[in-house]
């Protein structure tokens, strides 16, 4: 058996110093926060906060074959084939119907004039935090299954009305939901078939909105509450940070990382900050007004 990849984790003391610098970068609009479901989980919401929990939700509603159990994308694919796409959408809407209260970090990020905030889960916490201010909008990935359109994404303004890319260009902050979201229009990329075309094209960046490609240029990314234990999640992260800055950071739990996650951190040159997420959030907030 091959030895796991060797990686140098930044210990908690040094991670705090780095996060203080990152907090300054957030204030200077030179760092893009990339939010995973782990951040929303801090508010203890009544929604699935991992792909595995989402797969469990599907299994609680629909009898699934063994091959699909435990895998959210395969579970959704089975339901789409055996039932209907509308069933998948209805189940996703039900799973993410409960309100997810924004954390203090959500509110802090919303208070800044960040060019881009990436939110890689389906809940509405970041949108709710942004709703306290003006000058923002959202771009969401959409399924292309059965819609008869060539589009990969849609734009929505702060009140949830669909708009075009010209309007989006005037926003100070763009919330980017690459996998879709429950609000405002129940767009979900979730089944294997949703991702077939996306993953075929993502290497050439077609599914990524031009406004995100433009605004990520020169930016560092900070991954908050993210896991990379699935090839799909790694593919998205890899392509979203492409052609940005050379230095990026990920808040991680070294004991929880899989071999593939370790390899991904090494391949992408992500600086792994070995610090608990609640403490990391506290550091980012403590240094927010310095």
C-alpha atoms as a PDB file:
ATOM      1  CA  UNK A   1       0.000   0.000   0.000  1.00  0.00           C
ATOM      2  CA  UNK A   2       1.333   3.417  -0.932  1.00  0.00           C
ATOM      3  CA  UNK A   3       2.213   5.727   1.932  1.00  0.00           C
ATOM      4  CA  UNK A   4      -0.152   8.694   2.336  1.00  0.00           C
ATOM      5  CA  UNK A   5       1.091  11.981   0.834  1.00  0.00           C
ATOM      6  CA  UNK A   6       3.290  13.938   3.186  1.00  0.00           C
ATOM      7  CA  UNK A   7       2.167  17.479   3.869  1.00  0.00           C
ATOM      8  CA  UNK A   8       3.324  20.176   6.277  1.00  0.00           C
ATOM      9  CA  UNK A   9       0.387  21.511   8.253  1.00  0.00           C
ATOM     10  CA  UNK A  10       0.545  25.019   9.662  1.00  0.00           C
ATOM     11  CA  UNK A  11       0.126  24.634  13.417  1.00  0.00           C
ATOM     12  CA  UNK A  12      -2.488  26.557  15.354  1.00  0.00           C
ATOM     13  CA  UNK A  13      -0.173  29.353  16.532  1.00  0.00           C
ATOM     14  CA  UNK A  14       1.179  30.081  13.064  1.00  0.00           C
ATOM     15  CA  UNK A  15      -2.288  29.580  11.566  1.00  0.00           C
ATOM     16  CA  UNK A  16      -3.610  32.374  13.764  1.00  0.00           C
ATOM     17  CA  UNK A  17      -0.952  34.748  12.419  1.00  0.00           C
ATOM     18  CA  UNK A  18      -1.774  33.772   8.848  1.00  0.00           C
ATOM     19  CA  UNK A  19      -5.501  34.221   9.470  1.00  0.00           C
ATOM     20  CA  UNK A  20      -4.833  37.712  10.849  1.00  0.00           C
ATOM     21  CA  UNK A  21      -3.184  38.507   7.517  1.00  0.00           C
ATOM     22  CA  UNK A  22      -6.068  36.907   5.648  1.00  0.00           C
ATOM     23  CA  UNK A  23      -8.516  39.036   7.637  1.00  0.00           C
ATOM     24  CA  UNK A  24      -6.640  42.094   6.376  1.00  0.00           C
ATOM     25  CA  UNK A  25      -6.890  40.669   2.853  1.00  0.00           C
ATOM     26  CA  UNK A  26     -10.649  40.309   3.245  1.00  0.00           C
ATOM     27  CA  UNK A  27     -10.916  43.939   4.297  1.00  0.00           C
ATOM     28  CA  UNK A  28      -8.779  44.929   1.302  1.00  0.00           C
ATOM     29  CA  UNK A  29     -10.956  42.819  -1.055  1.00  0.00           C
ATOM     30  CA  UNK A  30      -7.968  40.686  -2.085  1.00  0.00           C
ATOM     31  CA  UNK A  31      -9.175  37.382  -0.585  1.00  0.00           C
ATOM     32  CA  UNK A  32     -12.170  35.397  -1.818  1.00  0.00           C
ATOM     33  CA  UNK A  33     -13.979  33.361   0.864  1.00  0.00           C
ATOM     34  CA  UNK A  34     -14.975  29.902  -0.397  1.00  0.00           C
ATOM     35  CA  UNK A  35     -17.619  28.616   1.976  1.00  0.00           C
ATOM     36  CA  UNK A  36     -18.459  24.969   2.513  1.00  0.00           C
ATOM     37  CA  UNK A  37     -21.319  23.533   4.570  1.00  0.00           C
ATOM     38  CA  UNK A  38     -19.079  23.307   7.613  1.00  0.00           C
ATOM     39  CA  UNK A  39     -19.546  27.029   8.244  1.00  0.00           C
ATOM     40  CA  UNK A  40     -23.353  26.867   8.223  1.00  0.00           C
ATOM     41  CA  UNK A  41     -23.080  23.810  10.482  1.00  0.00           C
ATOM     42  CA  UNK A  42     -21.805  26.085  13.275  1.00  0.00           C
ATOM     43  CA  UNK A  43     -25.329  27.468  13.652  1.00  0.00           C
ATOM     44  CA  UNK A  44     -26.641  23.906  14.147  1.00  0.00           C
ATOM     45  CA  UNK A  45     -29.276  24.120  11.410  1.00  0.00           C
ATOM     46  CA  UNK A  46     -31.963  21.562  10.714  1.00  0.00           C
ATOM     47  CA  UNK A  47     -30.666  20.846   7.200  1.00  0.00           C
ATOM     48  CA  UNK A  48     -28.106  18.357   5.866  1.00  0.00           C
ATOM     49  CA  UNK A  49     -24.609  19.804   6.205  1.00  0.00           C
ATOM     50  CA  UNK A  50     -22.606  17.116   4.423  1.00  0.00           C
ATOM     51  CA  UNK A  51     -23.149  15.170   1.205  1.00  0.00           C
ATOM     52  CA  UNK A  52     -23.365  12.037   3.342  1.00  0.00           C
ATOM     53  CA  UNK A  53     -26.145  13.568   5.465  1.00  0.00           C
ATOM     54  CA  UNK A  54     -27.958  14.597   2.294  1.00  0.00           C
ATOM     55  CA  UNK A  55     -27.681  11.018   1.019  1.00  0.00           C
ATOM     56  CA  UNK A  56     -29.140   9.893   4.331  1.00  0.00           C
ATOM     57  CA  UNK A  57     -32.041  12.293   3.868  1.00  0.00           C
ATOM     58  CA  UNK A  58     -32.770  10.847   0.437  1.00  0.00           C
ATOM     59  CA  UNK A  59     -32.635   7.326   1.864  1.00  0.00           C
ATOM     60  CA  UNK A  60     -35.164   8.312   4.547  1.00  0.00           C
ATOM     61  CA  UNK A  61     -37.651   9.342   1.850  1.00  0.00           C
ATOM     62  CA  UNK A  62     -37.086   6.899  -1.012  1.00  0.00           C
ATOM     63  CA  UNK A  63     -35.967   3.266  -1.060  1.00  0.00           C
ATOM     64  CA  UNK A  64     -32.514   3.272  -2.648  1.00  0.00           C
ATOM     65  CA  UNK A  65     -30.399   0.452  -4.089  1.00  0.00           C
ATOM     66  CA  UNK A  66     -27.261  -0.417  -2.192  1.00  0.00           C
ATOM     67  CA  UNK A  67     -25.008   1.150  -4.837  1.00  0.00           C
ATOM     68  CA  UNK A  68     -26.622   4.568  -4.295  1.00  0.00           C
ATOM     69  CA  UNK A  69     -26.770   4.622  -0.508  1.00  0.00           C
ATOM     70  CA  UNK A  70     -24.332   7.026   1.129  1.00  0.00           C
ATOM     71  CA  UNK A  71     -23.688   8.956  -2.079  1.00  0.00           C
ATOM     72  CA  UNK A  72     -25.811  12.078  -2.553  1.00  0.00           C
ATOM     73  CA  UNK A  73     -25.207  12.356  -6.303  1.00  0.00           C
ATOM     74  CA  UNK A  74     -25.970   8.684  -7.013  1.00  0.00           C
ATOM     75  CA  UNK A  75     -29.012   8.793  -4.730  1.00  0.00           C
ATOM     76  CA  UNK A  76     -30.423  11.780  -6.597  1.00  0.00           C
ATOM     77  CA  UNK A  77     -29.708  10.056  -9.911  1.00  0.00           C
ATOM     78  CA  UNK A  78     -31.621   6.956  -8.883  1.00  0.00           C
ATOM     79  CA  UNK A  79     -34.590   9.061  -7.773  1.00  0.00           C
ATOM     80  CA  UNK A  80     -34.488  11.052 -11.007  1.00  0.00           C
ATOM     81  CA  UNK A  81     -34.590   7.863 -13.094  1.00  0.00           C
ATOM     82  CA  UNK A  82     -37.073   5.875 -11.003  1.00  0.00           C
ATOM     83  CA  UNK A  83     -39.387   8.752 -10.137  1.00  0.00           C
ATOM     84  CA  UNK A  84     -38.946  12.057 -11.948  1.00  0.00           C
ATOM     85  CA  UNK A  85     -36.722  15.112 -11.898  1.00  0.00           C
ATOM     86  CA  UNK A  86     -39.522  16.997 -10.163  1.00  0.00           C
ATOM     87  CA  UNK A  87     -39.248  14.528  -7.269  1.00  0.00           C
ATOM     88  CA  UNK A  88     -35.555  15.308  -6.858  1.00  0.00           C
ATOM     89  CA  UNK A  89     -36.274  19.046  -6.848  1.00  0.00           C
ATOM     90  CA  UNK A  90     -39.115  18.636  -4.355  1.00  0.00           C
ATOM     91  CA  UNK A  91     -36.959  16.554  -2.010  1.00  0.00           C
ATOM     92  CA  UNK A  92     -34.086  19.060  -2.196  1.00  0.00           C
ATOM     93  CA  UNK A  93     -36.481  21.931  -1.519  1.00  0.00           C
ATOM     94  CA  UNK A  94     -37.827  20.021   1.482  1.00  0.00           C
ATOM     95  CA  UNK A  95     -34.358  19.193   2.802  1.00  0.00           C
ATOM     96  CA  UNK A  96     -33.260  22.838   2.675  1.00  0.00           C
ATOM     97  CA  UNK A  97     -36.557  24.513   3.570  1.00  0.00           C
ATOM     98  CA  UNK A  98     -35.608  25.184   7.234  1.00  0.00           C
ATOM     99  CA  UNK A  99     -34.005  28.572   7.779  1.00  0.00           C
ATOM    100  CA  UNK A 100     -30.244  28.470   8.319  1.00  0.00           C
ATOM    101  CA  UNK A 101     -29.266  31.350  10.566  1.00  0.00           C
ATOM    102  CA  UNK A 102     -26.169  33.182   9.308  1.00  0.00           C
ATOM    103  CA  UNK A 103     -23.169  32.911  11.601  1.00  0.00           C
ATOM    104  CA  UNK A 104     -21.254  35.967  12.745  1.00  0.00           C
ATOM    105  CA  UNK A 105     -18.762  35.303   9.970  1.00  0.00           C
ATOM    106  CA  UNK A 106     -21.524  35.282   7.360  1.00  0.00           C
ATOM    107  CA  UNK A 107     -22.606  38.697   8.622  1.00  0.00           C
ATOM    108  CA  UNK A 108     -19.039  39.974   8.658  1.00  0.00           C
ATOM    109  CA  UNK A 109     -18.388  38.852   5.096  1.00  0.00           C
ATOM    110  CA  UNK A 110     -21.654  40.478   4.028  1.00  0.00           C
ATOM    111  CA  UNK A 111     -20.529  43.776   5.552  1.00  0.00           C
ATOM    112  CA  UNK A 112     -17.459  43.907   3.290  1.00  0.00           C
ATOM    113  CA  UNK A 113     -17.363  44.904  -0.362  1.00  0.00           C
ATOM    114  CA  UNK A 114     -15.939  41.578  -1.480  1.00  0.00           C
ATOM    115  CA  UNK A 115     -15.996  41.197  -5.277  1.00  0.00           C
ATOM    116  CA  UNK A 116     -16.883  37.495  -4.956  1.00  0.00           C
ATOM    117  CA  UNK A 117     -18.115  35.157  -2.238  1.00  0.00           C
ATOM    118  CA  UNK A 118     -18.250  31.482  -3.240  1.00  0.00           C
ATOM    119  CA  UNK A 119     -20.802  29.362  -1.377  1.00  0.00           C
ATOM    120  CA  UNK A 120     -20.615  25.682  -2.275  1.00  0.00           C
ATOM    121  CA  UNK A 121     -23.709  24.423  -0.464  1.00  0.00           C
ATOM    122  CA  UNK A 122     -27.456  24.708  -1.012  1.00  0.00           C
ATOM    123  CA  UNK A 123     -28.630  26.663   2.051  1.00  0.00           C
ATOM    124  CA  UNK A 124     -29.548  30.355   2.127  1.00  0.00           C
ATOM    125  CA  UNK A 125     -27.453  31.598   5.059  1.00  0.00           C
ATOM    126  CA  UNK A 126     -25.059  33.756   3.022  1.00  0.00           C
ATOM    127  CA  UNK A 127     -27.907  35.217   1.003  1.00  0.00           C
ATOM    128  CA  UNK A 128     -29.748  36.081   4.234  1.00  0.00           C
ATOM    129  CA  UNK A 129     -26.689  37.877   5.586  1.00  0.00           C
ATOM    130  CA  UNK A 130     -26.235  39.857   2.363  1.00  0.00           C
ATOM    131  CA  UNK A 131     -29.901  40.837   2.452  1.00  0.00           C
ATOM    132  CA  UNK A 132     -29.007  43.478   5.061  1.00  0.00           C
ATOM    133  CA  UNK A 133     -27.206  45.598   2.420  1.00  0.00           C
ATOM    134  CA  UNK A 134     -27.452  46.862  -1.143  1.00  0.00           C
ATOM    135  CA  UNK A 135     -25.242  46.390  -4.201  1.00  0.00           C
ATOM    136  CA  UNK A 136     -25.113  42.628  -4.463  1.00  0.00           C
ATOM    137  CA  UNK A 137     -26.585  39.776  -6.450  1.00  0.00           C
ATOM    138  CA  UNK A 138     -26.164  36.099  -7.055  1.00  0.00           C
ATOM    139  CA  UNK A 139     -25.149  33.759  -9.857  1.00  0.00           C
ATOM    140  CA  UNK A 140     -26.147  30.119  -9.531  1.00  0.00           C
ATOM    141  CA  UNK A 141     -25.239  26.990 -11.401  1.00  0.00           C
ATOM    142  CA  UNK A 142     -28.325  25.361 -12.911  1.00  0.00           C
ATOM    143  CA  UNK A 143     -29.185  21.902 -14.138  1.00  0.00           C
ATOM    144  CA  UNK A 144     -29.368  21.557 -17.907  1.00  0.00           C
ATOM    145  CA  UNK A 145     -31.456  18.393 -17.691  1.00  0.00           C
ATOM    146  CA  UNK A 146     -34.698  18.881 -19.575  1.00  0.00           C
ATOM    147  CA  UNK A 147     -34.625  22.700 -19.690  1.00  0.00           C
ATOM    148  CA  UNK A 148     -34.003  23.047 -23.416  1.00  0.00           C
ATOM    149  CA  UNK A 149     -31.456  25.820 -22.876  1.00  0.00           C
ATOM    150  CA  UNK A 150     -27.744  26.176 -23.472  1.00  0.00           C
ATOM    151  CA  UNK A 151     -27.124  28.195 -20.313  1.00  0.00           C
ATOM    152  CA  UNK A 152     -24.992  26.938 -17.434  1.00  0.00           C
ATOM    153  CA  UNK A 153     -26.080  29.495 -14.812  1.00  0.00           C
ATOM    154  CA  UNK A 154     -28.578  32.220 -13.995  1.00  0.00           C
ATOM    155  CA  UNK A 155     -28.282  35.620 -12.326  1.00  0.00           C
ATOM    156  CA  UNK A 156     -30.599  36.857  -9.568  1.00  0.00           C
ATOM    157  CA  UNK A 157     -30.717  40.266  -7.941  1.00  0.00           C
ATOM    158  CA  UNK A 158     -31.045  40.863  -4.213  1.00  0.00           C
ATOM    159  CA  UNK A 159     -34.841  40.483  -4.288  1.00  0.00           C
ATOM    160  CA  UNK A 160     -34.657  37.217  -6.219  1.00  0.00           C
ATOM    161  CA  UNK A 161     -35.593  38.463  -9.668  1.00  0.00           C
ATOM    162  CA  UNK A 162     -33.736  36.902 -12.578  1.00  0.00           C
ATOM    163  CA  UNK A 163     -31.555  39.440 -14.413  1.00  0.00           C
ATOM    164  CA  UNK A 164     -28.899  39.361 -17.125  1.00  0.00           C
ATOM    165  CA  UNK A 165     -25.113  39.537 -16.955  1.00  0.00           C
ATOM    166  CA  UNK A 166     -25.105  43.262 -17.771  1.00  0.00           C
ATOM    167  CA  UNK A 167     -27.009  44.027 -14.571  1.00  0.00           C
ATOM    168  CA  UNK A 168     -24.738  41.663 -12.654  1.00  0.00           C
ATOM    169  CA  UNK A 169     -21.692  43.609 -13.780  1.00  0.00           C
ATOM    170  CA  UNK A 170     -22.808  46.567 -11.650  1.00  0.00           C
ATOM    171  CA  UNK A 171     -22.910  44.602  -8.394  1.00  0.00           C
ATOM    172  CA  UNK A 172     -20.221  45.364  -5.819  1.00  0.00           C
ATOM    173  CA  UNK A 173     -20.475  41.794  -4.518  1.00  0.00           C
ATOM    174  CA  UNK A 174     -21.361  38.626  -6.427  1.00  0.00           C
ATOM    175  CA  UNK A 175     -22.470  35.604  -4.449  1.00  0.00           C
ATOM    176  CA  UNK A 176     -21.496  32.578  -6.521  1.00  0.00           C
ATOM    177  CA  UNK A 177     -23.392  29.346  -5.824  1.00  0.00           C
ATOM    178  CA  UNK A 178     -21.803  26.862  -8.263  1.00  0.00           C
ATOM    179  CA  UNK A 179     -24.084  23.983  -7.211  1.00  0.00           C
ATOM    180  CA  UNK A 180     -27.242  26.095  -7.067  1.00  0.00           C
ATOM    181  CA  UNK A 181     -29.308  26.885  -4.002  1.00  0.00           C
ATOM    182  CA  UNK A 182     -32.728  26.609  -2.438  1.00  0.00           C
ATOM    183  CA  UNK A 183     -33.279  30.360  -2.749  1.00  0.00           C
ATOM    184  CA  UNK A 184     -34.566  32.153  -4.685  1.00  0.00           C
ATOM    185  CA  UNK A 185     -35.589  29.665  -7.401  1.00  0.00           C
ATOM    186  CA  UNK A 186     -34.753  26.128  -6.220  1.00  0.00           C
ATOM    187  CA  UNK A 187     -31.910  25.534  -8.663  1.00  0.00           C
ATOM    188  CA  UNK A 188     -30.053  22.356  -7.782  1.00  0.00           C
ATOM    189  CA  UNK A 189     -27.118  20.549  -9.332  1.00  0.00           C
ATOM    190  CA  UNK A 190     -27.316  17.298  -7.443  1.00  0.00           C
ATOM    191  CA  UNK A 191     -27.732  14.191  -9.640  1.00  0.00           C
ATOM    192  CA  UNK A 192     -24.976  12.479 -11.589  1.00  0.00           C
ATOM    193  CA  UNK A 193     -26.655  13.565 -14.834  1.00  0.00           C
ATOM    194  CA  UNK A 194     -26.554  17.199 -13.694  1.00  0.00           C
ATOM    195  CA  UNK A 195     -22.789  16.977 -13.520  1.00  0.00           C
ATOM    196  CA  UNK A 196     -22.032  14.968 -16.651  1.00  0.00           C
ATOM    197  CA  UNK A 197     -21.901  17.933 -19.011  1.00  0.00           C
ATOM    198  CA  UNK A 198     -20.469  20.287 -16.400  1.00  0.00           C
ATOM    199  CA  UNK A 199     -17.511  18.058 -15.621  1.00  0.00           C
ATOM    200  CA  UNK A 200     -16.934  17.498 -19.344  1.00  0.00           C
ATOM    201  CA  UNK A 201     -16.672  21.244 -19.925  1.00  0.00           C
ATOM    202  CA  UNK A 202     -15.303  22.541 -16.651  1.00  0.00           C
ATOM    203  CA  UNK A 203     -11.647  22.038 -17.618  1.00  0.00           C
ATOM    204  CA  UNK A 204     -12.153  24.628 -20.346  1.00  0.00           C
ATOM    205  CA  UNK A 205     -14.076  26.823 -17.891  1.00  0.00           C
ATOM    206  CA  UNK A 206     -17.304  27.043 -19.906  1.00  0.00           C
ATOM    207  CA  UNK A 207     -19.652  26.449 -16.930  1.00  0.00           C
ATOM    208  CA  UNK A 208     -17.956  29.153 -14.839  1.00  0.00           C
ATOM    209  CA  UNK A 209     -19.530  32.610 -15.301  1.00  0.00           C
ATOM    210  CA  UNK A 210     -17.371  35.244 -16.982  1.00  0.00           C
ATOM    211  CA  UNK A 211     -17.945  37.610 -14.070  1.00  0.00           C
ATOM    212  CA  UNK A 212     -16.334  35.075 -11.726  1.00  0.00           C
ATOM    213  CA  UNK A 213     -13.387  34.541 -14.078  1.00  0.00           C
ATOM    214  CA  UNK A 214     -12.835  38.300 -14.185  1.00  0.00           C
ATOM    215  CA  UNK A 215     -13.191  38.946 -10.462  1.00  0.00           C
ATOM    216  CA  UNK A 216     -11.020  36.042  -9.275  1.00  0.00           C
ATOM    217  CA  UNK A 217      -7.971  37.385 -11.127  1.00  0.00           C
ATOM    218  CA  UNK A 218      -5.132  38.054  -8.681  1.00  0.00           C
ATOM    219  CA  UNK A 219      -7.207  36.914  -5.715  1.00  0.00           C
ATOM    220  CA  UNK A 220      -6.227  34.559  -2.933  1.00  0.00           C
ATOM    221  CA  UNK A 221      -8.872  32.065  -1.782  1.00  0.00           C
ATOM    222  CA  UNK A 222      -9.689  30.986   1.765  1.00  0.00           C
ATOM    223  CA  UNK A 223     -11.588  27.685   2.054  1.00  0.00           C
ATOM    224  CA  UNK A 224     -13.812  27.754   5.143  1.00  0.00           C
ATOM    225  CA  UNK A 225     -15.771  24.700   6.248  1.00  0.00           C
ATOM    226  CA  UNK A 226     -14.929  22.777   3.075  1.00  0.00           C
ATOM    227  CA  UNK A 227     -14.079  19.142   2.496  1.00  0.00           C
ATOM    228  CA  UNK A 228     -12.431  17.729  -0.626  1.00  0.00           C
ATOM    229  CA  UNK A 229     -13.276  14.059  -0.055  1.00  0.00           C
ATOM    230  CA  UNK A 230     -15.177  13.693  -3.311  1.00  0.00           C
ATOM    231  CA  UNK A 231     -13.807  14.014  -6.842  1.00  0.00           C
ATOM    232  CA  UNK A 232     -16.657  16.307  -7.834  1.00  0.00           C
ATOM    233  CA  UNK A 233     -15.925  18.746  -5.015  1.00  0.00           C
ATOM    234  CA  UNK A 234     -12.225  18.726  -5.862  1.00  0.00           C
ATOM    235  CA  UNK A 235     -12.952  19.371  -9.548  1.00  0.00           C
ATOM    236  CA  UNK A 236     -15.061  22.408  -8.773  1.00  0.00           C
ATOM    237  CA  UNK A 237     -12.582  23.889  -6.318  1.00  0.00           C
ATOM    238  CA  UNK A 238      -9.693  23.321  -8.729  1.00  0.00           C
ATOM    239  CA  UNK A 239     -11.442  25.065 -11.605  1.00  0.00           C
ATOM    240  CA  UNK A 240     -12.901  27.953  -9.607  1.00  0.00           C
ATOM    241  CA  UNK A 241      -9.497  29.025  -8.268  1.00  0.00           C
ATOM    242  CA  UNK A 242      -7.800  28.613 -11.655  1.00  0.00           C
ATOM    243  CA  UNK A 243      -6.003  31.724 -12.978  1.00  0.00           C
ATOM    244  CA  UNK A 244      -6.210  33.494  -9.633  1.00  0.00           C
ATOM    245  CA  UNK A 245      -3.300  34.128  -7.228  1.00  0.00           C
ATOM    246  CA  UNK A 246      -0.653  31.513  -6.431  1.00  0.00           C
ATOM    247  CA  UNK A 247      -1.344  31.374  -2.679  1.00  0.00           C
ATOM    248  CA  UNK A 248      -4.520  29.971  -1.138  1.00  0.00           C
ATOM    249  CA  UNK A 249      -5.500  28.684   2.298  1.00  0.00           C
ATOM    250  CA  UNK A 250      -7.730  25.938   3.669  1.00  0.00           C
ATOM    251  CA  UNK A 251      -8.876  25.551   7.265  1.00  0.00           C
ATOM    252  CA  UNK A 252      -8.588  21.809   7.907  1.00  0.00           C
ATOM    253  CA  UNK A 253      -8.732  19.107  10.524  1.00  0.00           C
ATOM    254  CA  UNK A 254      -5.605  17.009   9.799  1.00  0.00           C
ATOM    255  CA  UNK A 255      -7.059  13.926  11.512  1.00  0.00           C
ATOM    256  CA  UNK A 256     -10.153  13.918   9.282  1.00  0.00           C
ATOM    257  CA  UNK A 257      -8.465  14.239   5.895  1.00  0.00           C
ATOM    258  CA  UNK A 258      -8.516  11.363   3.441  1.00  0.00           C
ATOM    259  CA  UNK A 259      -5.573  10.368   1.260  1.00  0.00           C
ATOM    260  CA  UNK A 260      -7.236  12.046  -1.730  1.00  0.00           C
ATOM    261  CA  UNK A 261      -7.749  15.253   0.229  1.00  0.00           C
ATOM    262  CA  UNK A 262      -4.098  15.322   1.226  1.00  0.00           C
ATOM    263  CA  UNK A 263      -3.091  14.783  -2.390  1.00  0.00           C
ATOM    264  CA  UNK A 264      -5.436  17.572  -3.504  1.00  0.00           C
ATOM    265  CA  UNK A 265      -3.960  20.043  -0.998  1.00  0.00           C
ATOM    266  CA  UNK A 266      -0.483  19.230  -2.276  1.00  0.00           C
ATOM    267  CA  UNK A 267      -1.384  19.367  -5.957  1.00  0.00           C
ATOM    268  CA  UNK A 268      -3.147  22.706  -5.646  1.00  0.00           C
ATOM    269  CA  UNK A 269      -0.552  24.240  -3.336  1.00  0.00           C
ATOM    270  CA  UNK A 270      -3.151  25.068  -0.699  1.00  0.00           C
ATOM    271  CA  UNK A 271      -1.711  26.142   2.648  1.00  0.00           C
ATOM    272  CA  UNK A 272      -3.405  23.843   5.197  1.00  0.00           C
ATOM    273  CA  UNK A 273      -4.203  25.680   8.414  1.00  0.00           C
ATOM    274  CA  UNK A 274      -4.571  23.102  11.191  1.00  0.00           C
ATOM    275  CA  UNK A 275      -6.938  25.036  13.428  1.00  0.00           C
ATOM    276  CA  UNK A 276     -10.464  24.355  14.601  1.00  0.00           C
ATOM    277  CA  UNK A 277     -13.128  26.127  12.583  1.00  0.00           C
ATOM    278  CA  UNK A 278     -14.724  27.955  15.557  1.00  0.00           C
ATOM    279  CA  UNK A 279     -11.304  29.296  16.586  1.00  0.00           C
ATOM    280  CA  UNK A 280     -10.498  30.262  12.988  1.00  0.00           C
ATOM    281  CA  UNK A 281     -13.767  32.194  12.765  1.00  0.00           C
ATOM    282  CA  UNK A 282     -12.967  33.934  16.042  1.00  0.00           C
ATOM    283  CA  UNK A 283      -9.542  35.010  14.703  1.00  0.00           C
ATOM    284  CA  UNK A 284     -11.053  36.337  11.474  1.00  0.00           C
ATOM    285  CA  UNK A 285     -13.626  38.332  13.424  1.00  0.00           C
ATOM    286  CA  UNK A 286     -11.163  39.591  16.054  1.00  0.00           C
ATOM    287  CA  UNK A 287      -8.952  40.982  13.309  1.00  0.00           C
ATOM    288  CA  UNK A 288     -11.814  42.306  11.231  1.00  0.00           C
ATOM    289  CA  UNK A 289     -11.609  45.873  12.468  1.00  0.00           C
ATOM    290  CA  UNK A 290      -7.853  46.271  12.896  1.00  0.00           C
END
